[in-house]
Amino acid sequence: ISRDNGKNTVYLQMNSLKAEDTAVYYCASGP
């Protein structure tokens, strides 16, 4: 996981993916 505060963006780089990683992925923000 990484973020670029200048672009208001958070990233999730996913490598070596497995079948069990299959899902809906949600981004979340909080205090």
All heavy atoms as atom14 arrays in JSON, in Angstrom:
{
  "sequence": "ISRDNGKNTVYLQMNSLKAEDTAVYYCASGP",
  "atom14_mask": [
    [1, 1, 1, 1, 1, 1, 1, 1, 0, 0, 0, 0, 0, 0],
    [1, 1, 1, 1, 1, 1, 0, 0, 0, 0, 0, 0, 0, 0],
    [1, 1, 1, 1, 1, 1, 1, 1, 1, 1, 1, 0, 0, 0],
    [1, 1, 1, 1, 1, 1, 1, 1, 0, 0, 0, 0, 0, 0],
    [1, 1, 1, 1, 1, 1, 1, 1, 0, 0, 0, 0, 0, 0],
    [1, 1, 1, 1, 0, 0, 0, 0, 0, 0, 0, 0, 0, 0],
    [1, 1, 1, 1, 1, 1, 1, 1, 1, 0, 0, 0, 0, 0],
    [1, 1, 1, 1, 1, 1, 1, 1, 0, 0, 0, 0, 0, 0],
    [1, 1, 1, 1, 1, 1, 1, 0, 0, 0, 0, 0, 0, 0],
    [1, 1, 1, 1, 1, 1, 1, 0, 0, 0, 0, 0, 0, 0],
    [1, 1, 1, 1, 1, 1, 1, 1, 1, 1, 1, 1, 0, 0],
    [1, 1, 1, 1, 1, 1, 1, 1, 0, 0, 0, 0, 0, 0],
    [1, 1, 1, 1, 1, 1, 1, 1, 1, 0, 0, 0, 0, 0],
    [1, 1, 1, 1, 1, 1, 1, 1, 0, 0, 0, 0, 0, 0],
    [1, 1, 1, 1, 1, 1, 1, 1, 0, 0, 0, 0, 0, 0],
    [1, 1, 1, 1, 1, 1, 0, 0, 0, 0, 0, 0, 0, 0],
    [1, 1, 1, 1, 1, 1, 1, 1, 0, 0, 0, 0, 0, 0],
    [1, 1, 1, 1, 1, 1, 1, 1, 1, 0, 0, 0, 0, 0],
    [1, 1, 1, 1, 1, 0, 0, 0, 0, 0, 0, 0, 0, 0],
    [1, 1, 1, 1, 1, 1, 1, 1, 1, 0, 0, 0, 0, 0],
    [1, 1, 1, 1, 1, 1, 1, 1, 0, 0, 0, 0, 0, 0],
    [1, 1, 1, 1, 1, 1, 1, 0, 0, 0, 0, 0, 0, 0],
    [1, 1, 1, 1, 1, 0, 0, 0, 0, 0, 0, 0, 0, 0],
    [1, 1, 1, 1, 1, 1, 1, 0, 0, 0, 0, 0, 0, 0],
    [1, 1, 1, 1, 1, 1, 1, 1, 1, 1, 1, 1, 0, 0],
    [1, 1, 1, 1, 1, 1, 1, 1, 1, 1, 1, 1, 0, 0],
    [1, 1, 1, 1, 1, 1, 0, 0, 0, 0, 0, 0, 0, 0],
    [1, 1, 1, 1, 1, 0, 0, 0, 0, 0, 0, 0, 0, 0],
    [1, 1, 1, 1, 1, 1, 0, 0, 0, 0, 0, 0, 0, 0],
    [1, 1, 1, 1, 0, 0, 0, 0, 0, 0, 0, 0, 0, 0],
    [1, 1, 1, 1, 1, 1, 1, 0, 0, 0, 0, 0, 0, 0]
  ],
  "atom14_positions": [
    [[0.85, -1.19, 0.0], [0.0, 0.0, 0.0], [0.89, 1.24, 0.0], [1.94, 1.26, 0.65], [-0.97, 0.0, 1.21], [-1.97, 1.14, 1.09], [-0.2, 0.05, 2.52], [-3.09, 1.08, 2.13], [0.0, 0.0, 0.0], [0.0, 0.0, 0.0], [0.0, 0.0, 0.0], [0.0, 0.0, 0.0], [0.0, 0.0, 0.0], [0.0, 0.0, 0.0]],
    [[0.47, 2.24, -0.74], [1.21, 3.5, -0.78], [0.22, 4.63, -1.04], [-0.94, 4.38, -1.4], [2.3, 3.47, -1.86], [1.71, 3.3, -3.14], [0.0, 0.0, 0.0], [0.0, 0.0, 0.0], [0.0, 0.0, 0.0], [0.0, 0.0, 0.0], [0.0, 0.0, 0.0], [0.0, 0.0, 0.0], [0.0, 0.0, 0.0], [0.0, 0.0, 0.0]],
    [[0.67, 5.84, -0.85], [-0.21, 6.97, -1.09], [0.58, 8.13, -1.66], [1.78, 8.28, -1.39], [-0.93, 7.4, 0.19], [-0.05, 7.95, 1.28], [-0.83, 8.11, 2.59], [-1.9, 9.09, 2.47], [-2.92, 9.16, 3.32], [-3.01, 8.3, 4.35], [-3.86, 10.08, 3.17], [0.0, 0.0, 0.0], [0.0, 0.0, 0.0], [0.0, 0.0, 0.0]],
    [[-0.12, 8.94, -2.44], [0.44, 10.16, -3.0], [-0.49, 11.29, -2.57], [-1.56, 11.49, -3.15], [0.52, 10.06, -4.53], [1.19, 11.26, -5.16], [1.21, 12.35, -4.53], [1.65, 11.14, -6.29], [0.0, 0.0, 0.0], [0.0, 0.0, 0.0], [0.0, 0.0, 0.0], [0.0, 0.0, 0.0], [0.0, 0.0, 0.0], [0.0, 0.0, 0.0]],
    [[-0.11, 12.0, -1.52], [-0.99, 13.03, -0.98], [-1.17, 14.19, -1.95], [-2.17, 14.9, -1.9], [-0.47, 13.51, 0.37], [-0.69, 12.48, 1.47], [-1.49, 11.55, 1.32], [0.02, 12.64, 2.58], [0.0, 0.0, 0.0], [0.0, 0.0, 0.0], [0.0, 0.0, 0.0], [0.0, 0.0, 0.0], [0.0, 0.0, 0.0], [0.0, 0.0, 0.0]],
    [[-0.21, 14.38, -2.83], [-0.35, 15.43, -3.83], [-1.41, 15.12, -4.87], [-1.96, 16.02, -5.5], [0.0, 0.0, 0.0], [0.0, 0.0, 0.0], [0.0, 0.0, 0.0], [0.0, 0.0, 0.0], [0.0, 0.0, 0.0], [0.0, 0.0, 0.0], [0.0, 0.0, 0.0], [0.0, 0.0, 0.0], [0.0, 0.0, 0.0], [0.0, 0.0, 0.0]],
    [[-1.71, 13.82, -5.05], [-2.71, 13.4, -6.03], [-3.98, 12.87, -5.36], [-4.87, 12.34, -6.04], [-2.12, 12.31, -6.93], [-0.97, 12.78, -7.81], [-0.48, 11.68, -8.72], [0.64, 12.17, -9.63], [1.15, 11.1, -10.53], [0.0, 0.0, 0.0], [0.0, 0.0, 0.0], [0.0, 0.0, 0.0], [0.0, 0.0, 0.0], [0.0, 0.0, 0.0]],
    [[-4.05, 12.97, -4.04], [-5.22, 12.47, -3.3], [-5.52, 11.01, -3.64], [-6.68, 10.61, -3.77], [-6.45, 13.33, -3.6], [-6.38, 14.7, -2.95], [-5.41, 15.02, -2.27], [-7.39, 15.51, -3.19], [0.0, 0.0, 0.0], [0.0, 0.0, 0.0], [0.0, 0.0, 0.0], [0.0, 0.0, 0.0], [0.0, 0.0, 0.0], [0.0, 0.0, 0.0]],
    [[-4.49, 10.22, -3.76], [-4.64, 8.85, -4.23], [-3.9, 7.87, -3.34], [-2.77, 8.14, -2.91], [-4.12, 8.72, -5.68], [-4.81, 9.65, -6.52], [-4.34, 7.32, -6.21], [0.0, 0.0, 0.0], [0.0, 0.0, 0.0], [0.0, 0.0, 0.0], [0.0, 0.0, 0.0], [0.0, 0.0, 0.0], [0.0, 0.0, 0.0], [0.0, 0.0, 0.0]],
    [[-4.54, 6.74, -3.09], [-3.91, 5.62, -2.41], [-3.88, 4.45, -3.37], [-4.8, 4.27, -4.17], [-4.63, 5.27, -1.1], [-6.06, 4.81, -1.34], [-3.87, 4.22, -0.32], [0.0, 0.0, 0.0], [0.0, 0.0, 0.0], [0.0, 0.0, 0.0], [0.0, 0.0, 0.0], [0.0, 0.0, 0.0], [0.0, 0.0, 0.0], [0.0, 0.0, 0.0]],
    [[-2.81, 3.68, -3.32], [-2.61, 2.57, -4.24], [-2.49, 1.26, -3.47], [-2.08, 1.23, -2.31], [-1.33, 2.77, -5.05], [-1.28, 4.06, -5.83], [-0.63, 5.18, -5.32], [-1.89, 4.16, -7.08], [-0.58, 6.36, -6.03], [-1.85, 5.34, -7.8], [-1.19, 6.44, -7.27], [-1.14, 7.62, -7.98], [0.0, 0.0, 0.0], [0.0, 0.0, 0.0]],
    [[-2.82, 0.18, -4.17], [-2.56, -1.15, -3.64], [-1.93, -1.96, -4.76], [-2.61, -2.34, -5.73], [-3.84, -1.83, -3.15], [-3.62, -3.17, -2.46], [-2.87, -2.98, -1.13], [-4.95, -3.88, -2.22], [0.0, 0.0, 0.0], [0.0, 0.0, 0.0], [0.0, 0.0, 0.0], [0.0, 0.0, 0.0], [0.0, 0.0, 0.0], [0.0, 0.0, 0.0]],
    [[-0.63, -2.18, -4.66], [0.08, -3.01, -5.62], [-0.03, -4.45, -5.17], [0.39, -4.8, -4.06], [1.55, -2.6, -5.71], [2.38, -3.45, -6.64], [1.98, -3.3, -8.09], [1.75, -2.19, -8.56], [1.89, -4.41, -8.81], [0.0, 0.0, 0.0], [0.0, 0.0, 0.0], [0.0, 0.0, 0.0], [0.0, 0.0, 0.0], [0.0, 0.0, 0.0]],
    [[-0.59, -5.29, -6.02], [-0.84, -6.69, -5.67], [-0.02, -7.58, -6.59], [-0.24, -7.61, -7.8], [-2.33, -7.0, -5.79], [-3.21, -6.06, -4.99], [-4.96, -6.53, -5.02], [-5.33, -6.31, -6.74], [0.0, 0.0, 0.0], [0.0, 0.0, 0.0], [0.0, 0.0, 0.0], [0.0, 0.0, 0.0], [0.0, 0.0, 0.0], [0.0, 0.0, 0.0]],
    [[0.92, -8.3, -6.01], [1.78, -9.21, -6.76], [1.52, -10.65, -6.33], [0.93, -10.89, -5.27], [3.24, -8.85, -6.55], [3.59, -7.47, -7.03], [3.0, -6.95, -7.98], [4.57, -6.85, -6.38], [0.0, 0.0, 0.0], [0.0, 0.0, 0.0], [0.0, 0.0, 0.0], [0.0, 0.0, 0.0], [0.0, 0.0, 0.0], [0.0, 0.0, 0.0]],
    [[1.98, -11.58, -7.13], [1.85, -13.01, -6.82], [0.42, -13.35, -6.42], [0.18, -14.02, -5.41], [2.82, -13.4, -5.7], [4.15, -13.1, -6.07], [0.0, 0.0, 0.0], [0.0, 0.0, 0.0], [0.0, 0.0, 0.0], [0.0, 0.0, 0.0], [0.0, 0.0, 0.0], [0.0, 0.0, 0.0], [0.0, 0.0, 0.0], [0.0, 0.0, 0.0]],
    [[-0.52, -12.9, -7.22], [-1.93, -13.08, -6.88], [-2.32, -14.55, -6.88], [-1.81, -15.35, -7.68], [-2.8, -12.28, -7.85], [-2.85, -10.77, -7.55], [-3.31, -10.0, -8.76], [-3.74, -10.5, -6.35], [0.0, 0.0, 0.0], [0.0, 0.0, 0.0], [0.0, 0.0, 0.0], [0.0, 0.0, 0.0], [0.0, 0.0, 0.0], [0.0, 0.0, 0.0]],
    [[-3.24, -14.86, -5.96], [-3.74, -16.22, -5.8], [-5.25, -16.23, -6.03], [-5.91, -15.2, -5.9], [-3.44, -16.72, -4.39], [-1.98, -16.64, -3.99], [-1.82, -17.05, -2.53], [-0.37, -16.95, -2.08], [-0.21, -17.32, -0.65], [0.0, 0.0, 0.0], [0.0, 0.0, 0.0], [0.0, 0.0, 0.0], [0.0, 0.0, 0.0], [0.0, 0.0, 0.0]],
    [[-5.78, -17.39, -6.3], [-7.22, -17.5, -6.52], [-8.0, -16.99, -5.3], [-9.06, -16.37, -5.45], [-7.59, -18.95, -6.82], [0.0, 0.0, 0.0], [0.0, 0.0, 0.0], [0.0, 0.0, 0.0], [0.0, 0.0, 0.0], [0.0, 0.0, 0.0], [0.0, 0.0, 0.0], [0.0, 0.0, 0.0], [0.0, 0.0, 0.0], [0.0, 0.0, 0.0]],
    [[-7.44, -17.2, -4.12], [-8.13, -16.77, -2.9], [-8.11, -15.26, -2.68], [-8.73, -14.76, -1.75], [-7.56, -17.47, -1.66], [-6.06, -17.42, -1.54], [-5.39, -18.66, -2.1], [-5.79, -19.13, -3.19], [-4.45, -19.17, -1.44], [0.0, 0.0, 0.0], [0.0, 0.0, 0.0], [0.0, 0.0, 0.0], [0.0, 0.0, 0.0], [0.0, 0.0, 0.0]],
    [[-7.41, -14.54, -3.54], [-7.46, -13.07, -3.5], [-8.67, -12.52, -4.25], [-8.93, -11.31, -4.2], [-6.19, -12.47, -4.11], [-4.95, -12.79, -3.29], [-5.01, -12.72, -2.05], [-3.91, -13.09, -3.91], [0.0, 0.0, 0.0], [0.0, 0.0, 0.0], [0.0, 0.0, 0.0], [0.0, 0.0, 0.0], [0.0, 0.0, 0.0], [0.0, 0.0, 0.0]],
    [[-9.4, -13.39, -4.91], [-10.59, -12.96, -5.65], [-11.62, -12.37, -4.7], [-12.01, -13.0, -3.72], [-11.21, -14.15, -6.4], [-10.3, -14.6, -7.41], [-12.52, -13.76, -7.07], [0.0, 0.0, 0.0], [0.0, 0.0, 0.0], [0.0, 0.0, 0.0], [0.0, 0.0, 0.0], [0.0, 0.0, 0.0], [0.0, 0.0, 0.0], [0.0, 0.0, 0.0]],
    [[-12.02, -11.13, -4.97], [-12.95, -10.42, -4.1], [-13.25, -9.05, -4.71], [-12.6, -8.63, -5.66], [-12.35, -10.23, -2.71], [0.0, 0.0, 0.0], [0.0, 0.0, 0.0], [0.0, 0.0, 0.0], [0.0, 0.0, 0.0], [0.0, 0.0, 0.0], [0.0, 0.0, 0.0], [0.0, 0.0, 0.0], [0.0, 0.0, 0.0], [0.0, 0.0, 0.0]],
    [[-14.22, -8.39, -4.11], [-14.4, -6.96, -4.38], [-13.53, -6.21, -3.38], [-13.61, -6.46, -2.17], [-15.87, -6.54, -4.23], [-16.02, -5.04, -4.44], [-16.74, -7.31, -5.22], [0.0, 0.0, 0.0], [0.0, 0.0, 0.0], [0.0, 0.0, 0.0], [0.0, 0.0, 0.0], [0.0, 0.0, 0.0], [0.0, 0.0, 0.0], [0.0, 0.0, 0.0]],
    [[-12.72, -5.31, -3.9], [-11.8, -4.54, -3.07], [-12.35, -3.14, -2.85], [-12.72, -2.45, -3.8], [-10.43, -4.48, -3.72], [-9.66, -5.77, -3.55], [-10.05, -6.93, -4.24], [-8.57, -5.86, -2.69], [-9.37, -8.12, -4.07], [-7.88, -7.05, -2.51], [-8.29, -8.18, -3.2], [-7.61, -9.36, -3.04], [0.0, 0.0, 0.0], [0.0, 0.0, 0.0]],
    [[-12.37, -2.74, -1.57], [-12.93, -1.45, -1.19], [-11.85, -0.56, -0.59], [-11.06, -1.0, 0.24], [-14.03, -1.63, -0.15], [-15.23, -2.39, -0.64], [-15.3, -3.77, -0.49], [-16.29, -1.74, -1.25], [-16.4, -4.48, -0.93], [-17.4, -2.44, -1.7], [-17.44, -3.82, -1.54], [-18.54, -4.51, -1.99], [0.0, 0.0, 0.0], [0.0, 0.0, 0.0]],
    [[-11.88, 0.67, -0.98], [-11.04, 1.7, -0.4], [-11.8, 2.35, 0.75], [-13.02, 2.53, 0.66], [-10.73, 2.73, -1.5], [-9.87, 4.19, -0.97], [0.0, 0.0, 0.0], [0.0, 0.0, 0.0], [0.0, 0.0, 0.0], [0.0, 0.0, 0.0], [0.0, 0.0, 0.0], [0.0, 0.0, 0.0], [0.0, 0.0, 0.0], [0.0, 0.0, 0.0]],
    [[-11.08, 2.72, 1.82], [-11.73, 3.33, 2.97], [-10.87, 4.45, 3.51], [-9.64, 4.41, 3.41], [-11.97, 2.28, 4.06], [0.0, 0.0, 0.0], [0.0, 0.0, 0.0], [0.0, 0.0, 0.0], [0.0, 0.0, 0.0], [0.0, 0.0, 0.0], [0.0, 0.0, 0.0], [0.0, 0.0, 0.0], [0.0, 0.0, 0.0], [0.0, 0.0, 0.0]],
    [[-11.54, 5.42, 4.11], [-10.85, 6.58, 4.67], [-11.41, 6.86, 6.06], [-12.6, 6.67, 6.31], [-11.09, 7.8, 3.77], [-10.61, 8.99, 4.37], [0.0, 0.0, 0.0], [0.0, 0.0, 0.0], [0.0, 0.0, 0.0], [0.0, 0.0, 0.0], [0.0, 0.0, 0.0], [0.0, 0.0, 0.0], [0.0, 0.0, 0.0], [0.0, 0.0, 0.0]],
    [[-10.52, 7.31, 6.96], [-11.01, 7.61, 8.29], [-10.04, 8.48, 9.06], [-8.88, 8.62, 8.67], [0.0, 0.0, 0.0], [0.0, 0.0, 0.0], [0.0, 0.0, 0.0], [0.0, 0.0, 0.0], [0.0, 0.0, 0.0], [0.0, 0.0, 0.0], [0.0, 0.0, 0.0], [0.0, 0.0, 0.0], [0.0, 0.0, 0.0], [0.0, 0.0, 0.0]],
    [[-10.5, 9.05, 10.16], [-9.62, 9.84, 11.02], [-8.47, 8.97, 11.52], [-8.66, 7.78, 11.77], [-10.53, 10.27, 12.17], [-11.91, 10.1, 11.67], [-11.87, 8.98, 10.69], [0.0, 0.0, 0.0], [0.0, 0.0, 0.0], [0.0, 0.0, 0.0], [0.0, 0.0, 0.0], [0.0, 0.0, 0.0], [0.0, 0.0, 0.0], [0.0, 0.0, 0.0]]
  ]
}
